[in-house]
Amino acid sequence: GNIIYSSKTSNSHIFEGRTRVYIINTDNDVESINTYTGVKQWSYRDVDHIPNQIKELTETQLVVTGNGNETTLVSLIDVASGNTVWKKTLKKDQVNSIFSDNGNIYIIGLNTQCAINYKGEVNWCTETNQNVFSAYLTKEGLYTISSDKDTYDISYLNLANGSRKWLYQSNNINIYSLREYKGDLYFI
């Protein structure tokens, strides 16, 4: 082991890509670092939004979300150049995960979940009055886990329109994570 890259910033957040890593540094820049050479390829900044989540969708596309004073920004970035392909402003929410499947990007926030296609068009957004802290995407739907004091809920959302297919509420069981396996749902 030789060190191929080091950063002088502390509390950086690292997100893994296919042939690079993406770092949100303490100056709120997103940096693309080649994992083979350690060379910084580009940096990206939006002065009005602080980045908080990154997801490489394909070998050529990257999604960055960030929070501003009044809005959440979703940006599609060209992986090779770091140039912005499109930006979409959403209602302010703390984004905690990003999923992609079938040409859509699913933005999971504490109180808002949205589906945006790869062209930057919002297909749907749905809101909840509980804090969503975990999600799991399947080919048919999106599971979200939310809580409000002593109640934990699992919601299953329709991918086509964001409507809730069903809801499981638990007053006595804490739910932290879930997975679907051969049609059965397992949670802990």
Protein backbone atom coordinates (compact mmCIF):
# COMPACT_ATOMS: atom_id res chain seq x y z
CA GLY A 1 0.00 0.00 0.00
CA ASN A 2 1.06 3.35 -1.28
CA ILE A 3 -1.06 6.40 -0.62
CA ILE A 4 -2.23 7.71 -4.00
CA TYR A 5 -4.35 10.58 -2.69
CA SER A 6 -4.71 12.48 0.54
CA SER A 7 -6.78 15.46 1.53
CA LYS A 8 -5.93 18.13 4.08
CA THR A 9 -9.60 18.65 4.90
CA SER A 10 -11.21 16.90 7.85
CA ASN A 11 -14.77 15.55 8.13
CA SER A 12 -14.96 14.86 4.40
CA HIS A 13 -17.67 12.53 3.11
CA ILE A 14 -16.64 9.86 0.59
CA PHE A 15 -18.91 8.21 -1.99
CA GLU A 16 -17.75 5.30 -4.13
CA GLY A 17 -18.06 5.25 -7.91
CA ARG A 18 -16.93 2.76 -10.55
CA THR A 19 -13.45 4.11 -11.31
CA ARG A 20 -13.35 7.08 -8.96
CA VAL A 21 -14.42 8.28 -5.55
CA TYR A 22 -16.34 11.46 -4.88
CA ILE A 23 -15.49 13.56 -1.86
CA ILE A 24 -17.54 16.32 -0.27
CA ASN A 25 -14.85 18.36 1.42
CA THR A 26 -15.23 20.85 4.25
CA ASP A 27 -15.39 23.70 1.72
CA ASN A 28 -18.56 22.02 0.34
CA ASP A 29 -16.95 21.17 -2.98
CA VAL A 30 -17.60 17.82 -4.63
CA GLU A 31 -14.29 16.43 -5.91
CA SER A 32 -13.86 13.55 -8.35
CA ILE A 33 -10.73 11.48 -7.63
CA ASN A 34 -9.47 8.79 -10.02
CA THR A 35 -9.02 5.63 -7.91
CA TYR A 36 -6.18 4.30 -10.07
CA THR A 37 -4.00 7.41 -10.14
CA GLY A 38 -5.22 9.48 -7.18
CA VAL A 39 -5.48 12.52 -9.46
CA LYS A 40 -8.32 14.97 -8.84
CA GLN A 41 -10.25 15.14 -12.10
CA TRP A 42 -12.67 17.97 -11.33
CA SER A 43 -14.56 19.77 -8.60
CA TYR A 44 -18.16 20.95 -8.53
CA ARG A 45 -19.85 23.57 -6.36
CA ASP A 46 -23.26 25.15 -6.14
CA VAL A 47 -22.95 28.30 -4.04
CA ASP A 48 -26.57 28.18 -2.83
CA HIS A 49 -26.75 24.49 -1.80
CA ILE A 50 -24.53 22.40 0.48
CA PRO A 51 -24.05 18.89 -0.98
CA ASN A 52 -25.11 15.94 1.17
CA GLN A 53 -25.61 12.88 -1.06
CA ILE A 54 -23.91 11.55 -4.20
CA LYS A 55 -24.83 8.57 -6.37
CA GLU A 56 -23.14 7.49 -9.59
CA LEU A 57 -25.99 6.35 -11.84
CA THR A 58 -24.03 5.15 -14.86
CA GLU A 59 -20.47 5.38 -16.09
CA THR A 60 -21.33 8.82 -17.44
CA GLN A 61 -23.88 10.27 -14.98
CA LEU A 62 -23.74 11.30 -11.35
CA VAL A 63 -26.45 12.76 -9.08
CA VAL A 64 -25.59 15.27 -6.37
CA THR A 65 -28.18 16.54 -3.88
CA GLY A 66 -27.74 19.57 -1.68
CA ASN A 67 -29.68 21.73 0.73
CA GLY A 68 -30.11 25.47 0.59
CA ASN A 69 -31.96 27.88 2.85
CA GLU A 70 -35.32 27.21 1.21
CA THR A 71 -34.87 24.39 -1.34
CA THR A 72 -33.19 21.09 -2.06
CA LEU A 73 -31.24 20.91 -5.32
CA VAL A 74 -30.87 17.75 -7.41
CA SER A 75 -28.12 18.01 -10.06
CA LEU A 76 -27.17 15.57 -12.78
CA ILE A 77 -23.43 15.83 -13.42
CA ASP A 78 -21.35 14.50 -16.33
CA VAL A 79 -18.87 12.08 -14.71
CA ALA A 80 -16.02 12.76 -17.16
CA SER A 81 -16.08 16.57 -17.10
CA GLY A 82 -17.91 17.57 -13.91
CA ASN A 83 -20.24 19.77 -15.97
CA THR A 84 -23.88 20.13 -14.94
CA VAL A 85 -26.32 18.39 -17.31
CA TRP A 86 -29.42 19.67 -15.47
CA LYS A 87 -30.59 20.98 -12.09
CA LYS A 88 -33.97 20.50 -10.44
CA THR A 89 -35.13 22.43 -7.37
CA LEU A 90 -37.39 20.61 -4.91
CA LYS A 91 -39.04 21.49 -1.62
CA LYS A 92 -36.41 21.69 1.12
CA ASP A 93 -35.81 18.35 2.84
CA GLN A 94 -32.83 16.45 4.23
CA VAL A 95 -32.01 13.85 1.57
CA ASN A 96 -30.81 10.61 3.15
CA SER A 97 -30.59 8.30 0.14
CA ILE A 98 -30.70 8.11 -3.65
CA PHE A 99 -31.74 5.11 -5.74
CA SER A 100 -31.99 4.63 -9.50
CA ASP A 101 -33.77 2.10 -11.66
CA ASN A 102 -35.55 1.97 -15.03
CA GLY A 103 -34.49 5.49 -16.05
CA ASN A 104 -35.66 7.14 -12.83
CA ILE A 105 -33.85 8.67 -9.89
CA TYR A 106 -35.56 8.25 -6.51
CA ILE A 107 -34.73 10.96 -3.98
CA ILE A 108 -35.55 9.89 -0.42
CA GLY A 109 -35.83 12.72 2.07
CA LEU A 110 -37.02 12.81 5.65
CA ASN A 111 -40.48 14.01 4.67
CA THR A 112 -40.55 13.94 0.85
CA GLN A 113 -39.87 11.18 -1.67
CA CYS A 114 -39.58 12.04 -5.38
CA ALA A 115 -39.02 10.27 -8.70
CA ILE A 116 -37.17 12.25 -11.37
CA ASN A 117 -36.42 10.86 -14.81
CA TYR A 118 -32.95 11.12 -16.36
CA LYS A 119 -34.10 14.17 -18.34
CA GLY A 120 -34.71 16.08 -15.09
CA GLU A 121 -38.51 15.92 -15.18
CA VAL A 122 -40.27 15.22 -11.87
CA ASN A 123 -42.56 12.20 -12.30
CA TRP A 124 -44.00 12.44 -8.78
CA CYS A 125 -43.36 13.61 -5.24
CA THR A 126 -45.11 12.35 -2.13
CA GLU A 127 -44.92 13.64 1.41
CA THR A 128 -45.16 11.97 4.81
CA ASN A 129 -45.69 13.45 8.24
CA GLN A 130 -43.15 11.06 9.75
CA ASN A 131 -39.37 11.04 9.39
CA VAL A 132 -38.24 8.55 6.72
CA PHE A 133 -34.82 7.26 7.73
CA SER A 134 -34.40 4.19 5.55
CA ALA A 135 -35.59 2.96 2.16
CA TYR A 136 -35.26 -0.10 -0.05
CA LEU A 137 -35.96 -0.20 -3.81
CA THR A 138 -37.32 -3.27 -5.62
CA LYS A 139 -38.40 -3.70 -9.26
CA GLU A 140 -42.04 -3.23 -8.28
CA GLY A 141 -41.95 -0.61 -5.53
CA LEU A 142 -40.16 1.44 -2.93
CA TYR A 143 -40.24 0.54 0.75
CA THR A 144 -39.74 3.36 3.25
CA ILE A 145 -39.25 3.08 7.01
CA SER A 146 -40.37 6.06 9.05
CA SER A 147 -40.89 6.89 12.69
CA ASP A 148 -42.66 9.39 14.85
CA LYS A 149 -41.87 8.96 18.55
CA ASP A 150 -43.03 5.41 19.42
CA THR A 151 -44.53 4.43 16.05
CA TYR A 152 -42.55 2.81 13.25
CA ASP A 153 -44.13 2.50 9.78
CA ILE A 154 -43.24 0.58 6.65
CA SER A 155 -44.83 2.05 3.53
CA TYR A 156 -44.74 0.45 0.12
CA LEU A 157 -44.91 3.02 -2.69
CA ASN A 158 -45.93 2.47 -6.31
CA LEU A 159 -43.00 3.37 -8.60
CA ALA A 160 -45.28 4.67 -11.36
CA ASN A 161 -46.99 7.41 -9.36
CA GLY A 162 -45.71 7.41 -5.76
CA SER A 163 -49.04 6.32 -4.29
CA ARG A 164 -48.94 4.14 -1.21
CA LYS A 165 -49.80 0.50 -1.99
CA TRP A 166 -49.89 -0.48 1.67
CA LEU A 167 -48.80 0.56 5.16
CA TYR A 168 -47.65 -1.50 8.14
CA GLN A 169 -47.67 0.27 11.51
CA SER A 170 -45.91 -0.98 14.60
CA ASN A 171 -46.45 0.54 18.02
CA ASN A 172 -44.28 -1.88 19.96
CA ILE A 173 -41.54 -2.91 17.54
CA ASN A 174 -38.61 -0.75 16.47
CA ILE A 175 -37.88 -1.25 12.76
CA TYR A 176 -34.47 -0.25 11.43
CA SER A 177 -33.85 -2.12 8.19
CA LEU A 178 -35.69 -4.36 5.74
CA ARG A 179 -35.10 -6.58 2.73
CA GLU A 180 -37.35 -8.46 0.35
CA TYR A 181 -36.45 -12.03 -0.54
CA LYS A 182 -38.52 -14.25 -2.86
CA GLY A 183 -41.65 -12.21 -2.24
CA ASP A 184 -41.31 -12.15 1.56
CA LEU A 185 -40.42 -9.04 3.56
CA TYR A 186 -37.88 -9.30 6.39
CA PHE A 187 -37.23 -6.48 8.83
CA ILE A 188 -35.27 -5.92 12.02
